[in-house]
Amino acid sequence: MTKTTDTKRDEALSRRKFLKTGGAVAGVAVAGVALAACGKEEKKAAAPVAAPAVVTKPAEVLKVQAAWGGGIFLEFAQDYVNRVNKMSGGSMKVELLGVGAVVKTAEMQTAVHKGVLDGAHMVTAYWYSKSPVASLFDTGPCFGWSANELMGWVQYGGGRALYNELMHDKLKLDLVGFFTGPMPAQPLGWFKEQIKDSSQMKGLKYRTVGLAADVLQEMGMSVVQLPGGEIQPAMKSGLIDAAEFNNPTSDKDFGMQDVSKDYHLGSFHQSQESFEVIYNKTRFDGLSSEQQAILEYATEAASSDMAWKAMERYSADLVTLKEVHGVNVHRTPDSVMADQLNAWDIVIERISNADPFFAKVVASQKAWAKRHGAYALLNSPNYTLAYEHYYGKM
């Protein structure tokens, strides 16, 4: 090994030693500067700084009374309220009150108009006394359509504009309303014997509401308008001879099977109906746009759920009425339904002649139902044929 080689080797070792020692010292020095700087920053951060005040707006609380004291209708109302409360994220809370909690059912619309209540869950037939037009949105004539198609007219066929015109321009009510939950056609109801012909109904004392009362009076019945909870006791005591409320589940819960064993399904007296959710308009306008949207669109969500739930519960309870309680379930004769349509013609003409706005709403409904019905009826297959193919004759 030469001297030159030894010198180069010594220089390389010296460089490596510097990198291990001098470089490390330099790193410590840099770290020290950084720590010192960090210490200065820490001292600065340690100075007291006032935190910004957090203002939490209290939740909007809406008192909404239902026209229902229990049963599946109150459940439907609660389903709507639950959707509102979940979607609002705590910014709004609807408190549902049962029937009669603040005012009587007949006074609910007025109470919401005056701000005594923030809202109500009901049907338009319950304020029929203020205008017969109210019943057209709820228990009106059958123009070949169902409740779901009635709501189609409300949403897209001009019905909402007419509803608002009635509420605001005609009746001067401080209200905003939405429709929810299309109901299946209501049964003709409970009688003391099987109805085989329309003539058997003449002179019977019968419970119903809305324009249906006018129609059945036209058919020769004596009509009494009673709230749901009073129907069964009235029939038991003989105050009425026959009655309807709405559906197999509610009828079973009321105990109608204990006062009658003849139950008739199918009728045109209330073949399309839905719930109405109303709010005091001044109160509604004071909410945020997001909260207003929740109150409205929750009615649409609740509509779907209610339709599906009704399929399950109504059919199951009809089986219970038949198999457990021995109820005879009959299909209402066509003669009765034909006479109902004739009675509707008379009632519609009489009220239309006295009330041009009533005639205007009827004309709108008939035009939409005629156009849609041409499609729906031609397009619908014969579901009875399919049912009987698999399960036998009805």
Protein backbone atom coordinates (compact mmCIF):
# COMPACT_ATOMS: atom_id res chain seq x y z
CA MET A 1 0.00 0.00 0.00
CA THR A 2 1.40 3.43 -0.99
CA LYS A 3 1.54 6.57 1.04
CA THR A 4 -0.93 8.23 -1.29
CA THR A 5 -3.42 5.47 -0.70
CA ASP A 6 -3.00 5.77 3.05
CA THR A 7 -3.61 9.49 2.85
CA LYS A 8 -6.81 9.04 0.84
CA ARG A 9 -8.02 6.41 3.28
CA ASP A 10 -7.37 8.71 6.24
CA GLU A 11 -9.29 11.54 4.54
CA ALA A 12 -12.28 9.25 3.87
CA LEU A 13 -12.33 8.12 7.51
CA SER A 14 -12.12 11.72 8.62
CA ARG A 15 -15.11 12.67 6.45
CA ARG A 16 -17.20 9.78 7.82
CA LYS A 17 -16.29 10.82 11.36
CA PHE A 18 -17.42 14.37 10.63
CA LEU A 19 -20.74 13.17 9.28
CA LYS A 20 -21.32 11.15 12.46
CA THR A 21 -20.21 13.83 14.89
CA GLY A 22 -20.27 17.22 13.27
CA GLY A 23 -23.46 16.45 11.35
CA ALA A 24 -25.11 15.26 14.53
CA VAL A 25 -24.01 18.39 16.36
CA ALA A 26 -25.44 20.49 13.54
CA GLY A 27 -28.70 18.55 13.76
CA VAL A 28 -28.87 19.22 17.49
CA ALA A 29 -28.23 22.87 16.88
CA VAL A 30 -31.01 23.07 14.29
CA ALA A 31 -33.35 21.18 16.59
CA GLY A 32 -32.47 23.55 19.39
CA VAL A 33 -33.38 26.52 17.26
CA ALA A 34 -36.64 24.84 16.33
CA LEU A 35 -37.46 24.03 19.95
CA ALA A 36 -36.67 27.57 20.96
CA ALA A 37 -38.96 28.87 18.27
CA CYS A 38 -41.62 26.39 19.32
CA GLY A 39 -41.24 27.55 22.90
CA LYS A 40 -41.83 31.09 21.82
CA GLU A 41 -44.95 29.99 19.94
CA GLU A 42 -46.15 28.06 22.97
CA LYS A 43 -45.72 31.15 25.11
CA LYS A 44 -47.73 33.15 22.61
CA ALA A 45 -50.49 30.49 22.47
CA ALA A 46 -50.66 30.38 26.22
CA ALA A 47 -51.96 33.94 26.30
CA PRO A 48 -55.70 33.93 27.19
CA VAL A 49 -57.96 34.29 24.15
CA ALA A 50 -61.73 34.77 24.50
CA ALA A 51 -63.68 31.95 22.79
CA PRO A 52 -66.45 33.10 20.44
CA ALA A 53 -69.90 32.82 21.98
CA VAL A 54 -71.94 29.91 20.62
CA VAL A 55 -75.62 30.78 20.27
CA THR A 56 -77.90 27.75 19.95
CA LYS A 57 -81.32 28.54 18.56
CA PRO A 58 -84.03 26.66 20.46
CA ALA A 59 -86.00 24.07 18.51
CA GLU A 60 -89.25 25.16 16.94
CA VAL A 61 -92.05 23.28 18.73
CA LEU A 62 -95.34 22.79 16.91
CA LYS A 63 -98.46 21.61 18.72
CA VAL A 64 -100.51 19.49 16.33
CA GLN A 65 -103.83 17.94 17.39
CA ALA A 66 -105.14 14.80 15.71
CA ALA A 67 -108.79 14.01 15.18
CA TRP A 68 -108.11 10.49 16.40
CA GLY A 69 -108.20 9.14 19.94
CA GLY A 70 -106.40 5.90 19.15
CA GLY A 71 -106.25 3.05 16.70
CA ILE A 72 -104.54 2.94 13.34
CA PHE A 73 -105.50 6.52 12.36
CA LEU A 74 -103.63 7.94 15.35
CA GLU A 75 -100.79 5.61 14.42
CA PHE A 76 -100.76 7.06 10.89
CA ALA A 77 -100.63 10.57 12.36
CA GLN A 78 -97.74 9.57 14.63
CA ASP A 79 -95.89 8.04 11.69
CA TYR A 80 -96.02 11.42 9.93
CA VAL A 81 -94.85 13.25 13.06
CA ASN A 82 -91.97 10.81 13.56
CA ARG A 83 -90.72 11.51 10.05
CA VAL A 84 -90.81 15.25 10.61
CA ASN A 85 -88.91 15.00 13.89
CA LYS A 86 -86.24 12.68 12.52
CA MET A 87 -85.63 14.77 9.40
CA SER A 88 -85.45 18.07 11.25
CA GLY A 89 -82.23 17.14 13.07
CA GLY A 90 -83.43 18.70 16.29
CA SER A 91 -84.26 22.11 14.79
CA MET A 92 -87.98 21.42 14.95
CA LYS A 93 -90.25 19.17 16.98
CA VAL A 94 -93.88 18.35 16.38
CA GLU A 95 -95.82 17.32 19.47
CA LEU A 96 -98.86 15.24 18.55
CA LEU A 97 -101.95 15.72 20.71
CA GLY A 98 -104.86 13.28 20.77
CA VAL A 99 -108.49 13.97 19.98
CA GLY A 100 -110.06 16.65 22.18
CA ALA A 101 -106.76 17.57 23.85
CA VAL A 102 -107.29 21.30 23.22
CA VAL A 103 -110.52 21.65 21.21
CA LYS A 104 -113.27 19.43 19.88
CA THR A 105 -112.79 17.86 16.45
CA ALA A 106 -115.35 20.17 14.82
CA GLU A 107 -113.37 23.19 16.12
CA MET A 108 -109.90 22.06 15.04
CA GLN A 109 -109.69 23.98 11.78
CA THR A 110 -110.82 27.22 13.47
CA ALA A 111 -108.32 26.65 16.28
CA VAL A 112 -105.45 26.32 13.80
CA HIS A 113 -106.67 29.38 11.87
CA LYS A 114 -106.63 31.44 15.09
CA GLY A 115 -103.29 30.07 16.26
CA VAL A 116 -104.71 28.23 19.27
CA LEU A 117 -103.14 25.15 17.68
CA ASP A 118 -100.14 25.18 15.36
CA GLY A 119 -101.57 22.36 13.26
CA ALA A 120 -104.04 19.51 12.91
CA HIS A 121 -104.20 16.03 11.39
CA MET A 122 -107.74 15.40 10.12
CA VAL A 123 -109.87 15.05 6.97
CA THR A 124 -111.51 17.86 4.99
CA ALA A 125 -114.98 16.37 5.55
CA TYR A 126 -114.68 17.53 9.17
CA TRP A 127 -115.04 21.17 8.06
CA TYR A 128 -117.70 20.44 5.43
CA SER A 129 -120.13 22.73 7.29
CA LYS A 130 -118.03 25.75 6.24
CA SER A 131 -118.23 24.84 2.57
CA PRO A 132 -119.50 21.78 0.67
CA VAL A 133 -116.44 22.20 -1.56
CA ALA A 134 -114.30 20.90 1.32
CA SER A 135 -115.75 17.44 0.83
CA LEU A 136 -114.70 17.37 -2.84
CA PHE A 137 -111.09 17.06 -1.68
CA ASP A 138 -111.91 14.13 0.55
CA THR A 139 -115.32 12.44 0.33
CA GLY A 140 -116.54 13.59 -3.03
CA PRO A 141 -118.17 11.87 -5.98
CA CYS A 142 -116.46 8.95 -7.69
CA PHE A 143 -115.60 9.94 -11.25
CA GLY A 144 -113.98 6.57 -11.90
CA TRP A 145 -110.95 7.20 -9.75
CA SER A 146 -109.39 6.09 -6.46
CA ALA A 147 -107.96 8.10 -3.58
CA ASN A 148 -104.46 7.84 -5.01
CA GLU A 149 -105.71 9.31 -8.27
CA LEU A 150 -107.55 12.04 -6.38
CA MET A 151 -104.19 12.97 -4.87
CA GLY A 152 -102.69 12.92 -8.36
CA TRP A 153 -105.24 15.58 -9.32
CA VAL A 154 -104.36 17.60 -6.20
CA GLN A 155 -100.62 17.46 -6.92
CA TYR A 156 -100.56 17.79 -10.71
CA GLY A 157 -104.08 18.33 -12.07
CA GLY A 158 -104.86 21.75 -10.62
CA GLY A 159 -106.40 20.59 -7.36
CA ARG A 160 -103.90 22.31 -5.07
CA ALA A 161 -104.54 25.72 -6.61
CA LEU A 162 -108.28 25.22 -6.13
CA TYR A 163 -107.75 24.05 -2.54
CA ASN A 164 -105.70 27.18 -1.81
CA GLU A 165 -108.31 29.36 -3.48
CA LEU A 166 -110.97 27.86 -1.24
CA MET A 167 -108.90 28.27 1.93
CA HIS A 168 -107.53 31.75 1.30
CA ASP A 169 -109.81 33.58 -1.12
CA LYS A 170 -113.21 32.07 -0.33
CA LEU A 171 -112.98 31.25 3.38
CA LYS A 172 -110.22 33.77 4.34
CA LEU A 173 -108.41 31.20 6.49
CA ASP A 174 -104.86 31.69 7.74
CA LEU A 175 -103.97 28.11 6.87
CA VAL A 176 -101.64 26.05 4.71
CA GLY A 177 -102.47 22.41 4.10
CA PHE A 178 -101.07 19.21 2.61
CA PHE A 179 -102.66 15.89 1.71
CA THR A 180 -101.30 12.54 2.84
CA GLY A 181 -102.30 8.89 2.93
CA PRO A 182 -104.68 7.87 0.13
CA MET A 183 -107.31 5.59 1.67
CA PRO A 184 -108.88 2.53 0.04
CA ALA A 185 -112.59 2.87 -0.77
CA GLN A 186 -114.58 2.74 2.42
CA PRO A 187 -116.93 -0.20 3.06
CA LEU A 188 -120.66 0.44 2.89
CA GLY A 189 -120.49 -0.74 6.48
CA TRP A 190 -122.37 -2.67 9.13
CA PHE A 191 -126.06 -3.63 8.96
CA LYS A 192 -128.41 -5.76 11.03
CA GLU A 193 -129.00 -8.01 8.03
CA GLN A 194 -127.43 -8.65 4.66
CA ILE A 195 -128.27 -5.96 2.10
CA LYS A 196 -129.24 -7.66 -1.14
CA ASP A 197 -131.03 -4.75 -2.78
CA SER A 198 -130.97 -0.98 -2.57
CA SER A 199 -134.60 -0.87 -1.41
CA GLN A 200 -133.58 -2.40 1.96
CA MET A 201 -131.69 0.78 2.83
CA LYS A 202 -134.62 3.17 2.71
CA GLY A 203 -135.54 4.57 6.11
CA LEU A 204 -132.50 3.20 7.91
CA LYS A 205 -130.73 5.50 10.38
CA TYR A 206 -127.13 5.53 9.14
CA ARG A 207 -123.89 7.17 10.20
CA THR A 208 -121.56 8.85 7.70
CA VAL A 209 -119.97 12.32 7.13
CA GLY A 210 -119.44 14.97 4.46
CA LEU A 211 -121.17 14.91 1.10
CA ALA A 212 -121.81 11.20 1.61
CA ALA A 213 -124.55 12.26 4.04
CA ASP A 214 -126.33 14.14 1.23
CA VAL A 215 -126.00 11.18 -1.13
CA LEU A 216 -127.41 8.59 1.26
CA GLN A 217 -130.22 10.92 2.30
CA GLU A 218 -131.06 11.18 -1.40
CA MET A 219 -131.32 7.38 -1.38
CA GLY A 220 -133.90 7.52 1.41
CA MET A 221 -131.72 6.94 4.45
CA SER A 222 -131.83 9.02 7.64
CA VAL A 223 -128.23 10.13 8.20
CA VAL A 224 -126.56 10.92 11.54
CA GLN A 225 -123.05 12.40 11.63
CA LEU A 226 -121.11 11.05 14.63
CA PRO A 227 -117.41 10.95 15.57
CA GLY A 228 -115.76 7.55 15.31
CA GLY A 229 -115.77 6.71 18.99
CA GLU A 230 -119.53 7.16 19.26
CA ILE A 231 -120.52 4.87 16.37
CA GLN A 232 -120.51 1.50 18.14
CA PRO A 233 -122.39 2.68 21.26
CA ALA A 234 -124.97 4.42 19.04
CA MET A 235 -125.60 1.23 17.08
CA LYS A 236 -125.67 -0.85 20.26
CA SER A 237 -128.29 1.42 21.82
CA GLY A 238 -130.42 1.57 18.67
CA LEU A 239 -129.76 5.25 17.96
CA ILE A 240 -128.65 4.16 14.50
CA ASP A 241 -129.44 1.05 12.44
CA ALA A 242 -126.30 0.92 10.31
CA ALA A 243 -122.92 2.62 10.09
CA GLU A 244 -119.57 2.96 8.41
CA PHE A 245 -116.32 4.44 9.64
CA ASN A 246 -113.47 3.64 7.31
CA ASN A 247 -111.75 0.24 7.23
CA PRO A 248 -111.63 -3.28 8.78
CA THR A 249 -108.89 -2.39 11.29
CA SER A 250 -110.64 0.67 12.74
CA ASP A 251 -114.00 -1.08 12.68
CA LYS A 252 -112.57 -4.05 14.59
CA ASP A 253 -110.95 -1.74 17.13
CA PHE A 254 -114.28 0.06 17.65
CA GLY A 255 -115.93 -3.31 18.32
CA MET A 256 -118.41 -3.16 15.45
CA GLN A 257 -118.33 -6.97 15.28
CA ASP A 258 -120.10 -6.99 18.66
CA VAL A 259 -123.16 -5.12 17.35
CA SER A 260 -123.43 -6.56 13.83
CA LYS A 261 -122.40 -9.65 11.92
CA ASP A 262 -123.12 -8.37 8.39
CA TYR A 263 -120.29 -6.29 6.93
CA HIS A 264 -120.53 -4.93 3.38
CA LEU A 265 -117.41 -4.03 1.37
CA GLY A 266 -117.46 -1.77 -1.68
CA SER A 267 -119.29 1.55 -2.00
CA PHE A 268 -119.29 4.85 -3.89
CA HIS A 269 -120.35 6.97 -0.91
CA GLN A 270 -116.69 7.53 0.12
CA SER A 271 -114.60 5.81 -2.50
CA GLN A 272 -111.66 8.22 -2.41
CA GLU A 273 -110.32 9.97 0.67
CA SER A 274 -107.04 11.04 2.26
CA PHE A 275 -105.85 12.76 5.39
CA GLU A 276 -105.27 16.51 5.53
CA VAL A 277 -102.46 18.08 7.57
CA ILE A 278 -102.98 21.80 8.17
CA TYR A 279 -100.82 24.46 9.80
CA ASN A 280 -101.39 28.04 10.84
CA LYS A 281 -100.00 29.92 7.83
CA THR A 282 -98.46 32.77 9.82
CA ARG A 283 -96.65 30.24 12.00
CA PHE A 284 -95.62 28.20 8.95
CA ASP A 285 -94.29 31.26 7.10
CA GLY A 286 -92.12 32.06 10.14
CA LEU A 287 -90.21 28.77 9.83
CA SER A 288 -87.07 28.35 7.75
CA SER A 289 -87.45 27.15 4.17
CA GLU A 290 -85.85 23.84 5.19
CA GLN A 291 -88.37 23.33 7.98
CA GLN A 292 -91.27 24.19 5.68
CA ALA A 293 -90.01 21.64 3.17
CA ILE A 294 -89.79 18.95 5.86
CA LEU A 295 -93.39 19.53 6.97
CA GLU A 296 -94.57 19.26 3.36
CA TYR A 297 -92.44 16.41 2.05
CA ALA A 298 -92.94 14.28 5.15
CA THR A 299 -96.60 14.07 4.10
CA GLU A 300 -95.49 12.44 0.85
CA ALA A 301 -93.20 9.98 2.62
CA ALA A 302 -95.95 9.13 5.10
CA SER A 303 -98.35 8.54 2.19
CA SER A 304 -96.27 5.69 0.85
CA ASP A 305 -95.76 4.08 4.24
CA MET A 306 -99.42 4.38 5.12
CA ALA A 307 -100.52 2.73 1.87
CA TRP A 308 -98.19 -0.22 2.50
CA LYS A 309 -99.16 -0.53 6.15
CA ALA A 310 -102.87 -0.44 5.28
CA MET A 311 -102.38 -3.33 2.86
CA GLU A 312 -100.99 -5.44 5.67
CA ARG A 313 -103.26 -4.45 8.51
CA TYR A 314 -106.62 -4.09 6.78
CA SER A 315 -106.42 -7.46 5.05
CA ALA A 316 -105.21 -9.24 8.19
CA ASP A 317 -107.97 -7.73 10.33
CA LEU A 318 -110.63 -8.63 7.78
CA VAL A 319 -109.53 -12.27 8.17
CA THR A 320 -109.77 -11.87 11.97
CA LEU A 321 -113.30 -10.45 11.70
CA LYS A 322 -114.37 -13.43 9.61
CA GLU A 323 -112.54 -16.30 11.29
CA VAL A 324 -112.41 -15.19 14.92
CA HIS A 325 -115.56 -13.08 15.31
CA GLY A 326 -117.84 -14.86 12.85
CA VAL A 327 -118.57 -11.78 10.72
CA ASN A 328 -120.27 -12.37 7.38
CA VAL A 329 -118.44 -10.27 4.78
CA HIS A 330 -120.54 -9.37 1.74
CA ARG A 331 -119.81 -7.57 -1.49
CA THR A 332 -122.18 -4.59 -1.78
CA PRO A 333 -124.70 -5.29 -4.58
CA ASP A 334 -124.30 -3.42 -7.85
CA SER A 335 -127.88 -2.14 -7.45
CA VAL A 336 -126.83 -0.19 -4.37
CA MET A 337 -123.76 1.27 -6.06
CA ALA A 338 -125.73 2.21 -9.18
CA ASP A 339 -128.25 4.06 -7.03
CA GLN A 340 -125.38 5.81 -5.25
CA LEU A 341 -124.09 7.15 -8.57
CA ASN A 342 -127.57 8.40 -9.47
CA ALA A 343 -127.82 10.10 -6.08
CA TRP A 344 -124.42 11.71 -6.62
CA ASP A 345 -125.68 13.21 -9.89
CA ILE A 346 -128.58 14.84 -8.08
CA VAL A 347 -126.42 16.19 -5.23
CA ILE A 348 -123.74 17.52 -7.59
CA GLU A 349 -126.28 19.37 -9.74
CA ARG A 350 -128.10 20.84 -6.75
CA ILE A 351 -124.96 22.21 -5.05
CA SER A 352 -123.35 23.32 -8.33
CA ASN A 353 -126.41 25.42 -9.17
CA ALA A 354 -126.11 27.16 -5.80
CA ASP A 355 -122.30 27.45 -5.69
CA PRO A 356 -120.31 28.32 -8.87
CA PHE A 357 -117.02 27.51 -7.16
CA PHE A 358 -118.28 24.02 -6.32
CA ALA A 359 -119.12 23.58 -10.00
CA LYS A 360 -115.65 24.83 -10.97
CA VAL A 361 -113.91 22.23 -8.78
CA VAL A 362 -116.19 19.43 -10.04
CA ALA A 363 -115.42 20.37 -13.65
CA SER A 364 -111.68 20.24 -12.95
CA GLN A 365 -111.97 16.84 -11.27
CA LYS A 366 -114.07 15.33 -14.05
CA ALA A 367 -111.72 16.56 -16.79
CA TRP A 368 -108.65 15.09 -15.06
CA ALA A 369 -110.38 11.83 -14.06
CA LYS A 370 -111.72 11.33 -17.59
CA ARG A 371 -108.28 11.71 -19.18
CA HIS A 372 -106.44 9.65 -16.59
CA GLY A 373 -109.22 7.05 -16.35
CA ALA A 374 -109.06 6.35 -20.07
CA TYR A 375 -105.45 5.31 -19.60
CA ALA A 376 -105.71 3.60 -16.19
CA LEU A 377 -108.80 1.48 -16.89
CA LEU A 378 -107.66 0.37 -20.33
CA ASN A 379 -104.18 -0.40 -19.09
CA SER A 380 -105.15 -2.29 -15.91
CA PRO A 381 -105.34 -6.06 -16.38
CA ASN A 382 -108.24 -8.02 -14.90
CA TYR A 383 -106.77 -8.63 -11.44
CA THR A 384 -109.83 -10.63 -10.39
CA LEU A 385 -109.10 -13.08 -13.20
CA ALA A 386 -105.54 -13.53 -11.94
CA TYR A 387 -106.65 -13.84 -8.32
CA GLU A 388 -109.24 -16.51 -9.09
CA HIS A 389 -106.75 -18.36 -11.31
CA TYR A 390 -104.56 -18.98 -8.24
CA TYR A 391 -106.94 -18.97 -5.28
CA GLY A 392 -110.38 -19.92 -6.62
CA LYS A 393 -113.61 -17.97 -6.88
CA MET A 394 -114.01 -14.93 -4.64
